[in-house]
Amino acid sequence: MPKLPRIDPTCPDAVRPGTLQKTIAAMTARDATLALLAKRAPGATVCPSEVARAVATDGDWRSEMPTVHDAVDQLVDEGVIRLSWKGQALPTRAGPYRIGRPD
């Protein structure tokens, strides 16, 4: 199983404009998902729309959602991430969900 990048404890949880955002814009949805998670505190989650916003090059993040969903499905299958909604684990992507590190 691939490991997530090491978390910098001095990095704030939120992606601030002009910092990580510029780096993530050139990434794939898969890479952006892992990069956003790496910047979060342990146990914190990422919204899939955050990933879509990070990889959207033209500002139309909604058109990126199918790509994000595909990347999330692959990462779940590989055991690299887990999905949840309102604190409850989800075995697969269905309806609204959050993306987190595996336990």
C-alpha atoms as a PDB file:
ATOM      1  CA  MET A   1       0.000   0.000   0.000  1.00  0.00           C
ATOM      2  CA  PRO A   2       1.439   3.424  -0.925  1.00  0.00           C
ATOM      3  CA  LYS A   3       2.218   5.682   1.998  1.00  0.00           C
ATOM      4  CA  LEU A   4       0.898   9.210   2.308  1.00  0.00           C
ATOM      5  CA  PRO A   5       3.506  11.966   2.337  1.00  0.00           C
ATOM      6  CA  ARG A   6       4.817  12.932   5.764  1.00  0.00           C
ATOM      7  CA  ILE A   7       2.640  15.523   7.475  1.00  0.00           C
ATOM      8  CA  ASP A   8       4.263  18.817   8.425  1.00  0.00           C
ATOM      9  CA  PRO A   9       2.832  19.628  11.878  1.00  0.00           C
ATOM     10  CA  THR A  10       3.454  23.349  11.312  1.00  0.00           C
ATOM     11  CA  CYS A  11       1.223  23.467   8.232  1.00  0.00           C
ATOM     12  CA  PRO A  12      -2.318  24.801   8.808  1.00  0.00           C
ATOM     13  CA  ASP A  13      -5.211  22.513   7.999  1.00  0.00           C
ATOM     14  CA  ALA A  14      -6.744  24.822   5.399  1.00  0.00           C
ATOM     15  CA  VAL A  15      -5.382  25.306   1.906  1.00  0.00           C
ATOM     16  CA  ARG A  16      -4.632  28.997   1.646  1.00  0.00           C
ATOM     17  CA  PRO A  17      -4.796  30.735  -1.739  1.00  0.00           C
ATOM     18  CA  GLY A  18      -1.384  31.206  -3.227  1.00  0.00           C
ATOM     19  CA  THR A  19       0.343  28.385  -1.363  1.00  0.00           C
ATOM     20  CA  LEU A  20      -0.485  24.727  -1.837  1.00  0.00           C
ATOM     21  CA  GLN A  21      -3.189  25.608  -4.366  1.00  0.00           C
ATOM     22  CA  LYS A  22      -0.711  26.563  -7.091  1.00  0.00           C
ATOM     23  CA  THR A  23       1.235  23.335  -6.642  1.00  0.00           C
ATOM     24  CA  ILE A  24      -1.849  21.134  -6.663  1.00  0.00           C
ATOM     25  CA  ALA A  25      -3.293  22.732  -9.809  1.00  0.00           C
ATOM     26  CA  ALA A  26      -0.791  20.830 -11.951  1.00  0.00           C
ATOM     27  CA  MET A  27      -1.538  17.496 -10.245  1.00  0.00           C
ATOM     28  CA  THR A  28      -3.921  14.740 -11.104  1.00  0.00           C
ATOM     29  CA  ALA A  29      -7.023  14.207  -8.984  1.00  0.00           C
ATOM     30  CA  ARG A  30      -5.287  11.277  -7.320  1.00  0.00           C
ATOM     31  CA  ASP A  31      -2.189  13.291  -6.445  1.00  0.00           C
ATOM     32  CA  ALA A  32      -4.267  16.267  -5.305  1.00  0.00           C
ATOM     33  CA  THR A  33      -6.337  14.047  -3.002  1.00  0.00           C
ATOM     34  CA  LEU A  34      -3.215  12.671  -1.352  1.00  0.00           C
ATOM     35  CA  ALA A  35      -1.563  16.106  -1.128  1.00  0.00           C
ATOM     36  CA  LEU A  36      -4.621  17.677   0.510  1.00  0.00           C
ATOM     37  CA  LEU A  37      -4.859  14.815   3.010  1.00  0.00           C
ATOM     38  CA  ALA A  38      -1.169  15.146   3.815  1.00  0.00           C
ATOM     39  CA  LYS A  39      -1.736  18.763   4.842  1.00  0.00           C
ATOM     40  CA  ARG A  40      -4.558  17.850   7.237  1.00  0.00           C
ATOM     41  CA  ALA A  41      -4.330  16.894  10.861  1.00  0.00           C
ATOM     42  CA  PRO A  42      -4.618  13.176  11.654  1.00  0.00           C
ATOM     43  CA  GLY A  43      -8.271  12.172  11.555  1.00  0.00           C
ATOM     44  CA  ALA A  44      -9.262  15.176   9.430  1.00  0.00           C
ATOM     45  CA  THR A  45     -11.026  14.673   6.108  1.00  0.00           C
ATOM     46  CA  VAL A  46     -11.223  16.336   2.700  1.00  0.00           C
ATOM     47  CA  CYS A  47     -14.340  17.124   0.706  1.00  0.00           C
ATOM     48  CA  PRO A  48     -14.211  15.794  -2.869  1.00  0.00           C
ATOM     49  CA  SER A  49     -15.180  19.256  -4.110  1.00  0.00           C
ATOM     50  CA  GLU A  50     -11.934  20.585  -2.572  1.00  0.00           C
ATOM     51  CA  VAL A  51     -10.008  18.174  -4.766  1.00  0.00           C
ATOM     52  CA  ALA A  52     -12.010  19.238  -7.815  1.00  0.00           C
ATOM     53  CA  ARG A  53     -11.384  22.912  -7.062  1.00  0.00           C
ATOM     54  CA  ALA A  54      -7.675  22.192  -6.676  1.00  0.00           C
ATOM     55  CA  VAL A  55      -7.313  20.507 -10.065  1.00  0.00           C
ATOM     56  CA  ALA A  56      -9.705  22.718 -12.067  1.00  0.00           C
ATOM     57  CA  THR A  57      -7.617  24.788 -14.429  1.00  0.00           C
ATOM     58  CA  ASP A  58     -10.437  26.920 -15.779  1.00  0.00           C
ATOM     59  CA  GLY A  59     -12.411  27.491 -12.582  1.00  0.00           C
ATOM     60  CA  ASP A  60     -15.121  25.004 -13.604  1.00  0.00           C
ATOM     61  CA  TRP A  61     -14.528  22.599 -10.715  1.00  0.00           C
ATOM     62  CA  ARG A  62     -17.852  20.807 -11.164  1.00  0.00           C
ATOM     63  CA  SER A  63     -16.698  19.379 -14.490  1.00  0.00           C
ATOM     64  CA  GLU A  64     -13.770  17.793 -12.608  1.00  0.00           C
ATOM     65  CA  MET A  65     -16.025  15.833 -10.228  1.00  0.00           C
ATOM     66  CA  PRO A  66     -16.253  12.665 -12.388  1.00  0.00           C
ATOM     67  CA  THR A  67     -12.452  12.559 -12.533  1.00  0.00           C
ATOM     68  CA  VAL A  68     -12.260  13.044  -8.770  1.00  0.00           C
ATOM     69  CA  HIS A  69     -14.819  10.272  -8.177  1.00  0.00           C
ATOM     70  CA  ASP A  70     -12.813   7.903 -10.396  1.00  0.00           C
ATOM     71  CA  ALA A  71      -9.590   8.700  -8.522  1.00  0.00           C
ATOM     72  CA  VAL A  72     -11.341   8.240  -5.166  1.00  0.00           C
ATOM     73  CA  ASP A  73     -12.762   4.864  -6.231  1.00  0.00           C
ATOM     74  CA  GLN A  74      -9.285   3.691  -7.233  1.00  0.00           C
ATOM     75  CA  LEU A  75      -7.705   4.926  -3.995  1.00  0.00           C
ATOM     76  CA  VAL A  76     -10.411   3.181  -1.940  1.00  0.00           C
ATOM     77  CA  ASP A  77      -9.836  -0.066  -3.862  1.00  0.00           C
ATOM     78  CA  GLU A  78      -6.112   0.209  -3.101  1.00  0.00           C
ATOM     79  CA  GLY A  79      -6.778   0.860   0.591  1.00  0.00           C
ATOM     80  CA  VAL A  80      -4.976   4.212   0.490  1.00  0.00           C
ATOM     81  CA  ILE A  81      -7.974   6.246   1.697  1.00  0.00           C
ATOM     82  CA  ARG A  82     -11.224   5.666   3.536  1.00  0.00           C
ATOM     83  CA  LEU A  83     -14.615   7.252   2.997  1.00  0.00           C
ATOM     84  CA  SER A  84     -17.072   8.487   5.587  1.00  0.00           C
ATOM     85  CA  TRP A  85     -20.143  10.638   6.023  1.00  0.00           C
ATOM     86  CA  LYS A  86     -21.082  12.292   9.302  1.00  0.00           C
ATOM     87  CA  GLY A  87     -18.575  10.120  11.126  1.00  0.00           C
ATOM     88  CA  GLN A  88     -19.843   6.820   9.711  1.00  0.00           C
ATOM     89  CA  ALA A  89     -17.539   4.699   7.544  1.00  0.00           C
ATOM     90  CA  LEU A  90     -18.650   4.049   3.973  1.00  0.00           C
ATOM     91  CA  PRO A  91     -17.418   0.922   2.184  1.00  0.00           C
ATOM     92  CA  THR A  92     -17.838   2.548  -1.239  1.00  0.00           C
ATOM     93  CA  ARG A  93     -18.661   5.941  -2.642  1.00  0.00           C
ATOM     94  CA  ALA A  94     -22.419   6.535  -2.500  1.00  0.00           C
ATOM     95  CA  GLY A  95     -24.076   9.902  -2.028  1.00  0.00           C
ATOM     96  CA  PRO A  96     -22.217  12.580  -0.085  1.00  0.00           C
ATOM     97  CA  TYR A  97     -18.884  11.570   1.405  1.00  0.00           C
ATOM     98  CA  ARG A  98     -15.646  12.775   2.945  1.00  0.00           C
ATOM     99  CA  ILE A  99     -12.153  11.455   2.195  1.00  0.00           C
ATOM    100  CA  GLY A 100      -9.788  10.458   4.993  1.00  0.00           C
ATOM    101  CA  ARG A 101      -6.693   8.454   5.767  1.00  0.00           C
ATOM    102  CA  PRO A 102      -7.146   4.788   6.578  1.00  0.00           C
ATOM    103  CA  ASP A 103      -7.352   4.016  10.301  1.00  0.00           C
END
